[in-house]
N, C-alpha and C. Protein backbone atom coordinates (compact mmCIF):
# COMPACT_ATOMS: atom_id res chain seq x y z
N UNK A 1 118.04 106.12 100.24
CA UNK A 1 117.82 105.28 99.09
C UNK A 1 117.37 106.17 97.94
N UNK A 2 117.95 105.93 96.79
CA UNK A 2 117.62 106.67 95.57
C UNK A 2 117.10 105.67 94.55
N UNK A 3 115.93 105.94 94.01
CA UNK A 3 115.39 105.12 92.93
C UNK A 3 115.49 105.98 91.67
N UNK A 4 116.17 105.45 90.65
CA UNK A 4 116.48 106.29 89.49
C UNK A 4 116.29 105.55 88.18
N UNK A 5 116.13 106.33 87.12
CA UNK A 5 116.07 105.77 85.77
C UNK A 5 117.44 105.82 85.10
N UNK A 6 118.45 106.28 85.81
CA UNK A 6 119.81 106.23 85.32
C UNK A 6 120.40 107.55 84.86
N UNK A 7 119.65 108.62 84.90
CA UNK A 7 120.15 109.89 84.40
C UNK A 7 120.74 110.71 85.54
N UNK A 8 121.97 111.19 85.34
CA UNK A 8 122.61 112.11 86.27
C UNK A 8 122.92 113.38 85.49
N UNK A 9 122.40 114.49 85.95
CA UNK A 9 122.58 115.75 85.23
C UNK A 9 123.94 116.39 85.49
N UNK A 10 124.53 116.16 86.63
CA UNK A 10 125.83 116.76 86.95
C UNK A 10 126.68 115.73 87.69
N UNK A 11 127.37 114.90 86.93
CA UNK A 11 128.15 113.79 87.49
C UNK A 11 129.27 114.29 88.41
N UNK A 12 129.98 115.33 88.01
CA UNK A 12 131.09 115.83 88.82
C UNK A 12 130.61 116.32 90.18
N UNK A 13 129.50 117.04 90.19
CA UNK A 13 128.96 117.54 91.46
C UNK A 13 128.47 116.37 92.32
N UNK A 14 127.88 115.38 91.70
CA UNK A 14 127.43 114.19 92.42
C UNK A 14 128.61 113.50 93.09
N UNK A 15 129.70 113.33 92.34
CA UNK A 15 130.91 112.71 92.89
C UNK A 15 131.46 113.56 94.03
N UNK A 16 131.49 114.88 93.84
CA UNK A 16 131.98 115.78 94.91
C UNK A 16 131.21 115.55 96.20
N UNK A 17 129.89 115.47 96.10
CA UNK A 17 129.06 115.32 97.29
C UNK A 17 129.23 113.94 97.94
N UNK A 18 129.41 112.92 97.13
CA UNK A 18 129.64 111.58 97.69
C UNK A 18 130.99 111.55 98.41
N UNK A 19 132.02 112.10 97.78
CA UNK A 19 133.34 112.15 98.42
C UNK A 19 133.27 112.95 99.71
N UNK A 20 132.57 114.07 99.67
CA UNK A 20 132.41 114.90 100.88
C UNK A 20 131.69 114.11 101.98
N UNK A 21 130.70 113.35 101.63
CA UNK A 21 129.94 112.59 102.62
C UNK A 21 130.60 111.31 103.08
N UNK A 22 131.67 110.89 102.41
CA UNK A 22 132.27 109.59 102.70
C UNK A 22 132.99 109.53 104.05
N UNK A 23 133.15 110.65 104.72
CA UNK A 23 133.72 110.66 106.07
C UNK A 23 132.66 110.54 107.15
N UNK A 24 131.42 110.49 106.75
CA UNK A 24 130.30 110.47 107.69
C UNK A 24 129.64 109.09 107.73
N UNK A 25 128.85 108.83 108.77
CA UNK A 25 128.12 107.55 108.83
C UNK A 25 126.93 107.60 107.88
N UNK A 26 127.22 107.42 106.61
CA UNK A 26 126.24 107.59 105.55
C UNK A 26 126.33 106.42 104.58
N UNK A 27 125.19 105.90 104.20
CA UNK A 27 125.12 104.85 103.18
C UNK A 27 124.13 105.32 102.12
N UNK A 28 124.54 105.25 100.87
CA UNK A 28 123.68 105.63 99.75
C UNK A 28 123.39 104.37 98.95
N UNK A 29 122.11 104.04 98.86
CA UNK A 29 121.69 102.87 98.09
C UNK A 29 120.93 103.38 96.88
N UNK A 30 121.40 103.00 95.70
CA UNK A 30 120.78 103.42 94.44
C UNK A 30 120.16 102.21 93.78
N UNK A 31 118.87 102.31 93.47
CA UNK A 31 118.17 101.25 92.75
C UNK A 31 117.89 101.78 91.35
N UNK A 32 118.44 101.11 90.36
CA UNK A 32 118.22 101.50 88.97
C UNK A 32 117.03 100.76 88.39
N UNK A 33 116.03 101.52 87.93
CA UNK A 33 114.80 100.94 87.41
C UNK A 33 114.73 101.19 85.90
N UNK A 34 114.37 100.16 85.17
CA UNK A 34 114.22 100.30 83.73
C UNK A 34 115.39 99.73 82.97
N UNK A 35 115.45 100.06 81.69
CA UNK A 35 116.47 99.50 80.81
C UNK A 35 117.52 100.52 80.39
N UNK A 36 117.68 101.56 81.17
CA UNK A 36 118.64 102.62 80.83
C UNK A 36 120.07 102.13 80.97
N UNK A 37 120.99 102.94 80.49
CA UNK A 37 122.41 102.68 80.66
C UNK A 37 122.79 103.11 82.07
N UNK A 38 123.13 102.17 82.92
CA UNK A 38 123.45 102.46 84.31
C UNK A 38 124.95 102.50 84.56
N UNK A 39 125.74 102.70 83.54
CA UNK A 39 127.19 102.71 83.72
C UNK A 39 127.65 103.81 84.68
N UNK A 40 126.95 104.93 84.71
CA UNK A 40 127.32 106.01 85.62
C UNK A 40 127.03 105.60 87.06
N UNK A 41 126.00 104.83 87.27
CA UNK A 41 125.68 104.35 88.62
C UNK A 41 126.75 103.36 89.09
N UNK A 42 127.21 102.52 88.16
CA UNK A 42 128.29 101.59 88.50
C UNK A 42 129.54 102.36 88.92
N UNK A 43 129.81 103.47 88.25
CA UNK A 43 130.97 104.29 88.62
C UNK A 43 130.79 104.86 90.02
N UNK A 44 129.59 105.35 90.34
CA UNK A 44 129.33 105.90 91.67
C UNK A 44 129.46 104.84 92.75
N UNK A 45 129.14 103.59 92.41
CA UNK A 45 129.22 102.49 93.37
C UNK A 45 130.64 102.35 93.91
N UNK A 46 131.63 102.60 93.10
CA UNK A 46 133.01 102.61 93.57
C UNK A 46 133.59 101.26 93.92
N UNK A 47 132.95 100.17 93.51
CA UNK A 47 133.50 98.85 93.82
C UNK A 47 134.77 98.56 93.03
N UNK A 48 134.85 99.05 91.80
CA UNK A 48 136.01 98.77 90.95
C UNK A 48 137.10 99.83 91.06
N UNK A 49 136.70 101.05 91.37
CA UNK A 49 137.65 102.15 91.44
C UNK A 49 137.10 103.21 92.41
N UNK A 50 137.93 103.64 93.34
CA UNK A 50 137.50 104.64 94.32
C UNK A 50 137.12 105.94 93.62
N UNK A 51 136.07 106.57 94.12
CA UNK A 51 135.64 107.85 93.55
C UNK A 51 136.66 108.93 93.87
N UNK A 52 136.94 109.77 92.87
CA UNK A 52 137.87 110.89 93.06
C UNK A 52 137.17 112.18 92.68
N UNK A 53 137.23 113.14 93.58
CA UNK A 53 136.66 114.46 93.33
C UNK A 53 137.77 115.40 92.87
N UNK A 54 137.66 115.87 91.66
CA UNK A 54 138.65 116.83 91.16
C UNK A 54 138.57 118.13 91.93
N UNK A 55 137.36 118.55 92.21
CA UNK A 55 137.16 119.82 92.93
C UNK A 55 137.80 119.78 94.32
N UNK A 56 137.61 118.67 95.03
CA UNK A 56 138.16 118.54 96.38
C UNK A 56 139.60 118.02 96.37
N UNK A 57 140.00 117.44 95.24
CA UNK A 57 141.36 116.91 95.11
C UNK A 57 141.63 115.71 96.00
N UNK A 58 140.60 114.88 96.22
CA UNK A 58 140.80 113.71 97.06
C UNK A 58 139.83 112.59 96.68
N UNK A 59 140.21 111.39 97.14
CA UNK A 59 139.38 110.20 96.95
C UNK A 59 138.38 110.08 98.07
N UNK A 60 137.34 109.32 97.83
CA UNK A 60 136.36 109.02 98.87
C UNK A 60 137.06 108.27 99.99
N UNK A 61 136.73 108.64 101.22
CA UNK A 61 137.33 108.00 102.39
C UNK A 61 136.83 106.57 102.57
N UNK A 62 135.64 106.29 102.02
CA UNK A 62 135.05 104.95 102.13
C UNK A 62 134.06 104.76 100.99
N UNK A 63 133.81 103.52 100.67
CA UNK A 63 132.78 103.19 99.67
C UNK A 63 131.43 103.22 100.37
N UNK A 64 130.66 104.27 100.15
CA UNK A 64 129.37 104.43 100.83
C UNK A 64 128.19 104.22 99.89
N UNK A 65 128.46 103.85 98.64
CA UNK A 65 127.39 103.70 97.65
C UNK A 65 127.24 102.24 97.25
N UNK A 66 126.00 101.79 97.20
CA UNK A 66 125.66 100.46 96.68
C UNK A 66 124.65 100.66 95.56
N UNK A 67 124.99 100.20 94.37
CA UNK A 67 124.07 100.29 93.23
C UNK A 67 123.53 98.90 92.91
N UNK A 68 122.21 98.83 92.71
CA UNK A 68 121.55 97.58 92.36
C UNK A 68 120.62 97.82 91.17
N UNK A 69 120.85 97.12 90.05
CA UNK A 69 119.91 97.22 88.92
C UNK A 69 118.68 96.36 89.20
N UNK A 70 117.55 97.00 89.37
CA UNK A 70 116.31 96.32 89.75
C UNK A 70 115.96 95.17 88.81
N UNK A 71 116.12 95.38 87.51
CA UNK A 71 115.73 94.36 86.53
C UNK A 71 116.45 93.03 86.74
N UNK A 72 117.66 93.08 87.28
CA UNK A 72 118.43 91.85 87.51
C UNK A 72 117.82 90.99 88.63
N UNK A 73 117.00 91.61 89.48
CA UNK A 73 116.48 90.90 90.65
C UNK A 73 114.97 91.01 90.81
N UNK A 74 114.28 91.59 89.83
CA UNK A 74 112.85 91.88 90.00
C UNK A 74 111.98 90.64 90.22
N UNK A 75 112.44 89.48 89.81
CA UNK A 75 111.65 88.26 89.99
C UNK A 75 112.03 87.48 91.24
N UNK A 76 112.96 88.06 92.03
CA UNK A 76 113.39 87.39 93.26
C UNK A 76 113.56 88.44 94.36
N UNK A 77 112.46 88.76 95.07
CA UNK A 77 112.52 89.81 96.10
C UNK A 77 113.55 89.54 97.20
N UNK A 78 113.75 88.27 97.54
CA UNK A 78 114.73 87.94 98.58
C UNK A 78 116.13 88.30 98.12
N UNK A 79 116.47 87.94 96.90
CA UNK A 79 117.78 88.26 96.36
C UNK A 79 117.95 89.78 96.17
N UNK A 80 116.87 90.45 95.78
CA UNK A 80 116.90 91.91 95.65
C UNK A 80 117.23 92.55 96.99
N UNK A 81 116.57 92.12 98.05
CA UNK A 81 116.85 92.66 99.38
C UNK A 81 118.28 92.36 99.81
N UNK A 82 118.73 91.14 99.55
CA UNK A 82 120.10 90.75 99.93
C UNK A 82 121.12 91.62 99.21
N UNK A 83 120.95 91.78 97.92
CA UNK A 83 121.89 92.57 97.12
C UNK A 83 121.86 94.04 97.54
N UNK A 84 120.67 94.55 97.81
CA UNK A 84 120.51 95.95 98.18
C UNK A 84 121.21 96.28 99.50
N UNK A 85 121.11 95.37 100.46
CA UNK A 85 121.66 95.63 101.80
C UNK A 85 123.03 95.01 102.03
N UNK A 86 123.59 94.38 101.02
CA UNK A 86 124.81 93.59 101.15
C UNK A 86 125.99 94.35 101.77
N UNK A 87 126.22 95.59 101.39
CA UNK A 87 127.41 96.30 101.84
C UNK A 87 127.21 97.05 103.15
N UNK A 88 125.97 97.20 103.59
CA UNK A 88 125.69 98.01 104.77
C UNK A 88 126.41 97.56 106.04
N UNK A 89 126.40 96.28 106.41
CA UNK A 89 127.10 95.88 107.64
C UNK A 89 128.59 96.21 107.60
N UNK A 90 129.24 95.95 106.48
CA UNK A 90 130.65 96.25 106.36
C UNK A 90 130.94 97.75 106.42
N UNK A 91 130.05 98.55 105.84
CA UNK A 91 130.22 100.00 105.90
C UNK A 91 130.16 100.48 107.34
N UNK A 92 129.22 99.95 108.10
CA UNK A 92 129.08 100.34 109.51
C UNK A 92 130.31 99.93 110.31
N UNK A 93 130.74 98.69 110.16
CA UNK A 93 131.90 98.19 110.90
C UNK A 93 133.14 99.00 110.54
N UNK A 94 133.36 99.27 109.26
CA UNK A 94 134.53 100.06 108.85
C UNK A 94 134.50 101.46 109.44
N UNK A 95 133.32 102.09 109.45
CA UNK A 95 133.19 103.42 110.04
C UNK A 95 133.56 103.39 111.52
N UNK A 96 133.03 102.42 112.24
CA UNK A 96 133.28 102.31 113.68
C UNK A 96 134.77 102.04 113.96
N UNK A 97 135.38 101.16 113.18
CA UNK A 97 136.80 100.84 113.38
C UNK A 97 137.70 102.04 113.11
N UNK A 98 137.41 102.77 112.03
CA UNK A 98 138.23 103.94 111.70
C UNK A 98 138.22 104.97 112.81
N UNK A 99 137.11 105.05 113.53
CA UNK A 99 136.98 106.04 114.60
C UNK A 99 137.19 105.43 115.98
N UNK A 100 137.64 104.18 115.98
CA UNK A 100 137.91 103.44 117.22
C UNK A 100 136.73 103.50 118.19
N UNK A 101 135.54 103.27 117.64
CA UNK A 101 134.32 103.23 118.43
C UNK A 101 133.98 101.77 118.69
N UNK A 102 133.93 101.41 119.96
CA UNK A 102 133.61 100.03 120.32
C UNK A 102 132.17 99.96 120.82
N UNK A 103 131.51 98.84 120.58
CA UNK A 103 130.16 98.69 121.12
C UNK A 103 130.20 98.63 122.64
N UNK A 104 129.14 99.07 123.27
CA UNK A 104 129.04 98.97 124.72
C UNK A 104 128.92 97.51 125.12
N UNK A 105 129.55 97.13 126.21
CA UNK A 105 129.41 95.73 126.64
C UNK A 105 127.98 95.45 127.07
N UNK A 106 127.56 94.22 126.92
CA UNK A 106 126.21 93.82 127.33
C UNK A 106 126.10 93.83 128.85
N UNK A 107 124.94 94.20 129.29
CA UNK A 107 124.68 94.13 130.73
C UNK A 107 124.40 92.69 131.10
N UNK A 108 124.41 92.41 132.40
CA UNK A 108 124.12 91.05 132.86
C UNK A 108 122.71 90.63 132.43
N UNK A 109 121.75 91.54 132.49
CA UNK A 109 120.38 91.24 132.09
C UNK A 109 120.30 90.87 130.61
N UNK A 110 121.05 91.56 129.78
CA UNK A 110 121.05 91.26 128.34
C UNK A 110 121.68 89.90 128.06
N UNK A 111 122.72 89.55 128.80
CA UNK A 111 123.36 88.26 128.61
C UNK A 111 122.45 87.10 129.03
N UNK A 112 121.68 87.30 130.08
CA UNK A 112 120.77 86.27 130.58
C UNK A 112 119.65 86.02 129.57
N UNK A 113 119.20 87.06 128.87
CA UNK A 113 118.12 86.92 127.90
C UNK A 113 118.50 86.04 126.72
N UNK A 114 119.75 85.97 126.40
CA UNK A 114 120.19 85.13 125.28
C UNK A 114 120.13 83.69 125.69
């Protein structure tokens, strides 16, 4: 989780590292605090357009970034938590499916507990 005021000193390098990490089981959650221009964070989020690294010459393998502007949700902690964690389950499922990793079946003891 990254809590930021919206300033990125090296956007290209940041994109390179996100694209590089997008093949791994990694989730980056960015919380924007304050009234800054968060347009660069929206770009990193990749919901509207996949991130492309010029240096690596490729797109991100997956959307691993979730950006949430704190001010939009500061008066509703439940909604803030929901928005912050919204993409995480899908990111995990997509990672597992791409690698054909299936969950272990439940044991008889686990099934009885339900």
